[in-house]
């Protein structure tokens, strides 16, 4: 009886230990044959006959589910084993825990979207010293990463700013909404919108060489036509984004436009506008391809959105890392940059874009 009791305690202890490490993030395993994905518990064994790569995001979002589909297709095309990890908390601490768990489990190469690039350089360098490391979506150019896969976020911000100008040709008051500003992509995307509205001609190199040139976050920025009321952050939490959008509508009753710069921001602004009865009255301009945003474009309550290509982020990250692990050094371009350009989606092309998106996601 005593042996049975001790064995029961041991099994219970092991079960708790296994479950503890899996509660903190979403782990997605992509099946090489079917392309389907499942949430896995614990580390699991790796197929040592195949290159093992990981795709790490900055949080859980519908945007990253599109990248997951790209990872799944690349896994089949390049005969690799792919693990997609999405932190449940959008923090550098949680992202670090996930990556170090991947290293311990034996993953051979990693693609990551850094949450706080400026303060993660030393840590990223330590990872790059162990396995091939690339960045996607958001870069960390000061680190030892091998390359960046993504878009020019400043150019994307300019494109978003042009949508605002088309919506408000006579000018007006604009509020920006974004998850956080620690990320490289966030800073450039926001600045691009501001510079488009104020008619400035700059580029990413200008801001990298002029660290004091970034516009302030908490004060109004204006010329004789447009006023940027401020930039509201939510630290990657959609419910906070909606609450802050509602507060902005109350604080600024004369606001003319709301610009959401992360995938979940436009839907949060949409819900706030709907609740306030101001859909269509206050212009809504988005970023990325949430279904609520695309439907609003079709309905005429969102002027447009600037989309990335998260599918390509996933696919190309797996391709590059797999080719590297197979000994192909030409997988890294001389520029150390694979440009995947953004594009604006408006009522004119939303149907075509949405149909293609659903096909890629297997819907």
Protein backbone atom coordinates (compact mmCIF):
# COMPACT_ATOMS: atom_id res chain seq x y z
CA UNK A 1 0.00 0.00 0.00
CA UNK A 2 2.84 2.42 0.89
CA UNK A 3 4.55 1.77 -2.48
CA UNK A 4 1.30 2.50 -4.35
CA UNK A 5 0.83 5.73 -2.41
CA UNK A 6 4.40 6.89 -3.16
CA UNK A 7 4.03 6.05 -6.84
CA UNK A 8 0.78 8.03 -6.98
CA UNK A 9 2.49 11.06 -5.45
CA UNK A 10 5.37 10.77 -7.90
CA UNK A 11 3.05 10.65 -10.92
CA UNK A 12 1.07 13.62 -9.62
CA UNK A 13 4.28 15.60 -9.14
CA UNK A 14 5.45 14.84 -12.67
CA UNK A 15 2.06 15.80 -14.13
CA UNK A 16 2.12 19.16 -12.35
CA UNK A 17 5.68 19.80 -13.48
CA UNK A 18 4.87 19.09 -17.13
CA UNK A 19 1.76 21.21 -17.14
CA UNK A 20 3.43 24.15 -15.41
CA UNK A 21 5.79 24.92 -18.27
CA UNK A 22 3.10 24.68 -20.95
CA UNK A 23 0.62 27.15 -19.48
CA UNK A 24 2.60 30.28 -20.31
CA UNK A 25 2.56 30.31 -24.11
CA UNK A 26 0.88 28.88 -27.16
CA UNK A 27 2.99 26.14 -28.73
CA UNK A 28 1.97 25.12 -32.22
CA UNK A 29 3.32 22.00 -33.90
CA UNK A 30 2.80 21.85 -37.66
CA UNK A 31 2.27 18.41 -39.15
CA UNK A 32 4.48 17.87 -42.19
CA UNK A 33 2.03 15.63 -44.02
CA UNK A 34 -1.28 17.37 -43.46
CA UNK A 35 -0.14 20.93 -42.77
CA UNK A 36 -2.47 20.97 -39.76
CA UNK A 37 -1.34 22.47 -36.48
CA UNK A 38 -1.97 21.40 -32.92
CA UNK A 39 -1.15 22.84 -29.54
CA UNK A 40 1.50 20.66 -27.95
CA UNK A 41 2.18 20.11 -24.25
CA UNK A 42 5.75 19.83 -22.99
CA UNK A 43 8.87 19.71 -25.17
CA UNK A 44 8.24 16.54 -27.14
CA UNK A 45 10.80 14.60 -29.12
CA UNK A 46 12.23 15.97 -32.36
CA UNK A 47 12.77 14.07 -35.60
CA UNK A 48 16.57 14.22 -35.77
CA UNK A 49 16.54 13.28 -39.47
CA UNK A 50 15.02 16.64 -40.38
CA UNK A 51 16.19 20.23 -39.84
CA UNK A 52 14.48 21.57 -36.73
CA UNK A 53 13.52 25.25 -36.80
CA UNK A 54 11.36 27.52 -34.64
CA UNK A 55 9.27 30.55 -35.53
CA UNK A 56 8.75 32.82 -32.52
CA UNK A 57 6.21 35.66 -32.54
CA UNK A 58 5.73 38.65 -30.22
CA UNK A 59 2.26 37.63 -28.94
CA UNK A 60 -0.85 35.63 -29.82
CA UNK A 61 -2.84 37.26 -32.65
CA UNK A 62 -4.82 36.36 -35.76
CA UNK A 63 -2.00 37.96 -37.75
CA UNK A 64 0.35 35.20 -36.62
CA UNK A 65 -2.09 32.45 -37.60
CA UNK A 66 -1.45 33.49 -41.19
CA UNK A 67 2.31 33.15 -40.58
CA UNK A 68 1.61 29.72 -39.10
CA UNK A 69 0.01 28.67 -42.38
CA UNK A 70 3.14 29.80 -44.22
CA UNK A 71 5.30 27.80 -41.82
CA UNK A 72 3.17 24.71 -42.43
CA UNK A 73 3.51 24.93 -46.21
CA UNK A 74 7.26 25.54 -45.98
CA UNK A 75 7.65 22.60 -43.63
CA UNK A 76 6.25 20.31 -46.31
CA UNK A 77 8.12 21.94 -49.18
CA UNK A 78 11.53 21.86 -47.46
CA UNK A 79 11.14 18.65 -45.43
CA UNK A 80 11.70 20.29 -42.06
CA UNK A 81 10.31 20.09 -38.55
CA UNK A 82 8.78 23.43 -37.55
CA UNK A 83 7.63 24.68 -34.18
CA UNK A 84 5.65 27.93 -33.91
CA UNK A 85 5.62 29.64 -30.52
CA UNK A 86 3.35 32.56 -29.58
CA UNK A 87 3.87 34.18 -26.15
CA UNK A 88 0.62 34.53 -24.23
CA UNK A 89 2.08 37.67 -22.62
CA UNK A 90 3.69 40.19 -24.94
CA UNK A 91 6.80 40.71 -22.81
CA UNK A 92 10.51 40.34 -23.44
CA UNK A 93 10.74 38.13 -20.33
CA UNK A 94 8.22 35.66 -21.70
CA UNK A 95 9.83 35.69 -25.14
CA UNK A 96 13.21 34.96 -23.56
CA UNK A 97 11.76 32.02 -21.61
CA UNK A 98 10.30 30.54 -24.79
CA UNK A 99 13.51 30.83 -26.80
CA UNK A 100 15.65 29.36 -24.05
CA UNK A 101 13.17 26.50 -23.75
CA UNK A 102 13.55 25.91 -27.49
CA UNK A 103 17.35 25.88 -27.23
CA UNK A 104 17.16 23.37 -24.38
CA UNK A 105 14.79 21.15 -26.36
CA UNK A 106 17.29 20.96 -29.22
CA UNK A 107 15.92 23.29 -31.88
CA UNK A 108 18.60 24.00 -34.49
CA UNK A 109 17.64 27.48 -35.81
CA UNK A 110 15.28 30.29 -34.79
CA UNK A 111 13.34 33.12 -36.46
CA UNK A 112 12.07 35.73 -34.00
CA UNK A 113 10.10 38.99 -33.94
CA UNK A 114 11.85 40.87 -31.09
CA UNK A 115 9.58 42.61 -28.60
CA UNK A 116 12.16 45.10 -27.30
CA UNK A 117 15.05 45.08 -29.78
CA UNK A 118 17.12 47.86 -28.20
CA UNK A 119 17.20 46.11 -24.83
CA UNK A 120 17.43 42.57 -26.20
CA UNK A 121 20.66 42.96 -28.18
CA UNK A 122 22.98 41.18 -25.72
CA UNK A 123 20.51 38.35 -25.25
CA UNK A 124 19.91 37.98 -28.99
CA UNK A 125 23.67 37.85 -29.51
CA UNK A 126 23.92 35.04 -26.98
CA UNK A 127 21.28 33.09 -28.92
CA UNK A 128 22.96 33.83 -32.26
CA UNK A 129 26.18 32.34 -30.83
CA UNK A 130 24.37 29.03 -30.32
CA UNK A 131 22.10 28.63 -33.36
CA UNK A 132 21.40 30.45 -36.65
CA UNK A 133 19.15 33.39 -35.76
CA UNK A 134 17.10 35.62 -38.06
CA UNK A 135 14.48 38.28 -37.37
CA UNK A 136 11.09 38.69 -39.02
CA UNK A 137 8.33 41.32 -38.84
CA UNK A 138 10.39 43.52 -36.49
CA UNK A 139 14.16 43.82 -36.79
CA UNK A 140 17.05 44.08 -34.33
CA UNK A 141 19.71 45.54 -36.63
CA UNK A 142 22.23 46.12 -33.84
CA UNK A 143 22.30 42.42 -32.99
CA UNK A 144 24.18 39.51 -34.55
CA UNK A 145 21.08 38.20 -36.34
CA UNK A 146 21.91 36.86 -39.79
CA UNK A 147 19.17 38.72 -41.67
CA UNK A 148 15.76 40.37 -41.46
CA UNK A 149 12.64 39.15 -43.28
CA UNK A 150 9.90 41.73 -43.47
CA UNK A 151 8.93 45.09 -44.84
CA UNK A 152 10.16 48.66 -44.58
CA UNK A 153 7.91 49.74 -41.71
CA UNK A 154 8.59 53.41 -42.32
CA UNK A 155 7.37 53.06 -45.92
CA UNK A 156 4.34 51.16 -44.63
CA UNK A 157 3.62 54.00 -42.21
CA UNK A 158 3.83 56.47 -45.08
CA UNK A 159 1.30 54.39 -47.02
CA UNK A 160 -1.02 54.37 -44.02
CA UNK A 161 -0.63 58.12 -43.72
CA UNK A 162 -1.67 58.50 -47.36
CA UNK A 163 -4.90 56.63 -46.58
CA UNK A 164 -5.54 59.11 -43.77
CA UNK A 165 -4.99 62.04 -46.15
CA UNK A 166 -7.39 60.54 -48.68
CA UNK A 167 -10.00 60.18 -45.91
CA UNK A 168 -9.42 63.71 -44.59
CA UNK A 169 -8.37 65.78 -47.61
CA UNK A 170 -9.16 69.01 -45.78
CA UNK A 171 -7.17 68.03 -42.69
CA UNK A 172 -8.32 67.17 -39.19
CA UNK A 173 -7.49 65.72 -35.79
CA UNK A 174 -6.03 62.21 -35.73
CA UNK A 175 -5.29 59.75 -32.92
CA UNK A 176 -2.82 56.88 -33.36
CA UNK A 177 -3.23 53.51 -31.61
CA UNK A 178 -0.49 50.86 -31.35
CA UNK A 179 0.49 48.01 -29.08
CA UNK A 180 3.87 49.23 -27.86
CA UNK A 181 6.69 51.46 -29.04
CA UNK A 182 9.68 49.41 -27.86
CA UNK A 183 9.65 47.41 -31.10
CA UNK A 184 11.65 48.52 -34.12
CA UNK A 185 8.65 48.11 -36.45
CA UNK A 186 6.33 50.11 -34.16
CA UNK A 187 8.56 53.15 -34.01
CA UNK A 188 9.06 53.37 -37.76
CA UNK A 189 5.44 52.62 -38.61
CA UNK A 190 4.17 55.39 -36.33
CA UNK A 191 6.75 57.88 -37.57
CA UNK A 192 5.87 57.13 -41.19
CA UNK A 193 2.22 58.05 -40.57
CA UNK A 194 3.23 61.33 -38.90
CA UNK A 195 5.68 62.29 -41.64
CA UNK A 196 3.13 61.55 -44.37
CA UNK A 197 0.60 63.85 -42.70
CA UNK A 198 3.12 66.62 -42.14
CA UNK A 199 4.63 66.35 -45.63
CA UNK A 200 8.14 65.40 -44.55
CA UNK A 201 10.56 63.59 -46.84
CA UNK A 202 12.68 61.28 -44.71
CA UNK A 203 13.57 57.56 -44.48
CA UNK A 204 14.64 54.89 -42.01
CA UNK A 205 18.32 55.83 -42.25
CA UNK A 206 17.51 59.39 -41.21
CA UNK A 207 15.97 58.22 -37.92
CA UNK A 208 18.68 55.66 -37.26
CA UNK A 209 21.30 58.41 -37.59
CA UNK A 210 19.22 61.07 -35.78
CA UNK A 211 18.00 59.47 -32.54
CA UNK A 212 16.57 62.78 -31.32
CA UNK A 213 14.42 63.25 -34.43
CA UNK A 214 11.55 60.98 -33.34
CA UNK A 215 8.38 62.93 -32.62
CA UNK A 216 7.15 62.91 -28.99
CA UNK A 217 4.43 60.45 -28.03
CA UNK A 218 2.38 62.31 -25.42
CA UNK A 219 2.03 65.76 -26.98
CA UNK A 220 0.18 67.07 -30.00
CA UNK A 221 2.06 67.29 -33.30
CA UNK A 222 0.61 69.56 -35.94
CA UNK A 223 0.96 71.81 -38.93
CA UNK A 224 -1.62 74.09 -40.50
CA UNK A 225 -3.68 71.12 -41.73
CA UNK A 226 -3.32 67.98 -39.58
CA UNK A 227 -3.04 67.49 -35.83
CA UNK A 228 -1.81 64.19 -34.38
CA UNK A 229 -3.43 64.24 -30.96
CA UNK A 230 -1.14 61.55 -29.54
CA UNK A 231 -0.16 57.90 -29.68
CA UNK A 232 -2.04 55.51 -27.39
CA UNK A 233 -0.39 52.18 -26.46
CA UNK A 234 -2.00 49.07 -24.95
CA UNK A 235 0.93 46.63 -24.50
CA UNK A 236 -0.57 44.07 -26.85
CA UNK A 237 -3.93 43.72 -25.09
CA UNK A 238 -7.01 44.04 -27.36
CA UNK A 239 -9.40 44.67 -24.47
CA UNK A 240 -7.21 47.54 -23.27
CA UNK A 241 -7.04 48.86 -26.82
CA UNK A 242 -10.82 49.06 -27.02
CA UNK A 243 -11.13 50.68 -23.60
CA UNK A 244 -8.57 53.32 -24.52
CA UNK A 245 -10.27 53.94 -27.85
CA UNK A 246 -13.54 54.56 -25.99
CA UNK A 247 -11.75 56.95 -23.64
CA UNK A 248 -10.24 58.83 -26.58
CA UNK A 249 -13.68 59.37 -28.12
CA UNK A 250 -14.89 60.85 -24.83
CA UNK A 251 -11.80 62.98 -24.31
CA UNK A 252 -11.68 64.30 -27.86
CA UNK A 253 -15.29 64.73 -29.08
CA UNK A 254 -14.01 66.61 -32.13
CA UNK A 255 -11.65 63.83 -33.26
CA UNK A 256 -11.77 63.21 -37.02
CA UNK A 257 -9.88 59.95 -37.48
CA UNK A 258 -8.57 56.92 -35.59
CA UNK A 259 -5.58 54.99 -36.95
CA UNK A 260 -4.90 51.48 -35.62
CA UNK A 261 -1.32 50.32 -36.31
CA UNK A 262 -1.37 46.75 -34.95
CA UNK A 263 -3.66 44.04 -36.32
CA UNK A 264 -6.10 44.14 -33.38
CA UNK A 265 -6.16 47.96 -33.07
CA UNK A 266 -8.56 48.68 -35.97
CA UNK A 267 -11.17 46.18 -34.66
CA UNK A 268 -10.82 47.71 -31.18
CA UNK A 269 -11.39 51.19 -32.61
CA UNK A 270 -14.27 49.86 -34.71
CA UNK A 271 -16.03 48.49 -31.63
CA UNK A 272 -15.48 51.75 -29.76
CA UNK A 273 -16.90 53.75 -32.66
CA UNK A 274 -19.84 51.38 -32.99
CA UNK A 275 -20.58 51.70 -29.27
CA UNK A 276 -20.43 55.51 -29.52
CA UNK A 277 -22.60 55.62 -32.63
CA UNK A 278 -19.79 57.26 -34.64
CA UNK A 279 -19.06 54.64 -37.30
CA UNK A 280 -18.56 56.48 -40.56
CA UNK A 281 -18.53 59.86 -38.84
CA UNK A 282 -15.04 59.41 -37.40
CA UNK A 283 -12.78 57.99 -40.10
CA UNK A 284 -11.13 54.63 -39.37
CA UNK A 285 -7.84 53.65 -41.01
CA UNK A 286 -6.19 50.34 -40.24
CA UNK A 287 -3.14 48.16 -40.45
CA UNK A 288 -3.04 44.42 -41.20
CA UNK A 289 -5.87 42.12 -42.18
CA UNK A 290 -8.23 41.29 -39.33
CA UNK A 291 -11.62 40.02 -40.58
CA UNK A 292 -13.44 42.85 -38.77
CA UNK A 293 -11.24 45.38 -40.54
CA UNK A 294 -11.77 43.80 -43.97
CA UNK A 295 -15.54 43.60 -43.48
CA UNK A 296 -15.58 47.24 -42.40
CA UNK A 297 -13.76 48.18 -45.59
CA UNK A 298 -16.40 46.31 -47.60
CA UNK A 299 -19.15 48.08 -45.63
CA UNK A 300 -17.57 51.50 -46.07
CA UNK A 301 -16.95 52.12 -42.35
CA UNK A 302 -13.17 51.72 -42.64
CA UNK A 303 -11.33 53.73 -45.30
CA UNK A 304 -8.64 51.13 -45.81
CA UNK A 305 -5.76 49.19 -44.30
CA UNK A 306 -2.10 48.61 -45.08
CA UNK A 307 -1.28 44.92 -45.07
CA UNK A 308 1.93 43.02 -44.65
CA UNK A 309 2.42 39.45 -45.84
CA UNK A 310 2.63 37.35 -42.67
CA UNK A 311 2.24 34.17 -44.73
CA UNK A 312 5.51 35.01 -46.48
CA UNK A 313 7.16 35.83 -43.15
CA UNK A 314 6.48 32.29 -41.99
CA UNK A 315 7.26 30.57 -45.29
CA UNK A 316 10.47 32.47 -46.03
CA UNK A 317 11.77 32.15 -42.45
CA UNK A 318 11.46 28.36 -42.62
CA UNK A 319 12.97 28.28 -46.12
CA UNK A 320 16.02 30.36 -45.18
CA UNK A 321 16.74 28.52 -41.93
CA UNK A 322 16.27 25.09 -43.51
CA UNK A 323 18.61 25.92 -46.38
CA UNK A 324 21.19 27.24 -43.90
CA UNK A 325 21.02 24.04 -41.87
CA UNK A 326 21.54 22.06 -45.07
CA UNK A 327 24.73 24.01 -45.75
CA UNK A 328 23.56 26.59 -48.29
CA UNK A 329 25.24 29.85 -47.25
CA UNK A 330 23.63 31.65 -50.21
CA UNK A 331 20.35 31.51 -48.28
CA UNK A 332 21.45 34.80 -46.66
CA UNK A 333 21.39 37.64 -49.23
CA UNK A 334 24.26 40.12 -49.31
CA UNK A 335 21.90 42.85 -48.05
CA UNK A 336 20.87 40.68 -45.09
CA UNK A 337 17.33 41.80 -45.85
CA UNK A 338 14.45 40.12 -47.64
CA UNK A 339 11.98 42.88 -48.50
CA UNK A 340 8.33 41.80 -48.52
CA UNK A 341 6.55 45.04 -49.48
CA UNK A 342 3.28 46.20 -47.88
CA UNK A 343 0.25 47.28 -49.89
CA UNK A 344 -2.90 49.28 -49.22
CA UNK A 345 -6.27 47.50 -49.23
CA UNK A 346 -9.36 49.58 -49.99
CA UNK A 347 -12.87 48.89 -51.19
CA UNK A 348 -11.49 48.50 -54.73
CA UNK A 349 -9.38 45.42 -53.99
CA UNK A 350 -10.62 44.03 -50.65
CA UNK A 351 -12.65 41.17 -52.19
CA UNK A 352 -9.72 39.86 -54.21
CA UNK A 353 -7.33 40.19 -51.28
CA UNK A 354 -9.68 38.50 -48.81
CA UNK A 355 -10.33 35.57 -51.15
CA UNK A 356 -6.59 35.00 -51.54
CA UNK A 357 -6.08 35.26 -47.79
CA UNK A 358 -8.75 32.64 -47.09
CA UNK A 359 -7.17 30.31 -49.65
CA UNK A 360 -3.79 30.59 -47.95
CA UNK A 361 -5.37 29.82 -44.58
CA UNK A 362 -7.24 26.85 -46.05
CA UNK A 363 -10.68 28.31 -45.36
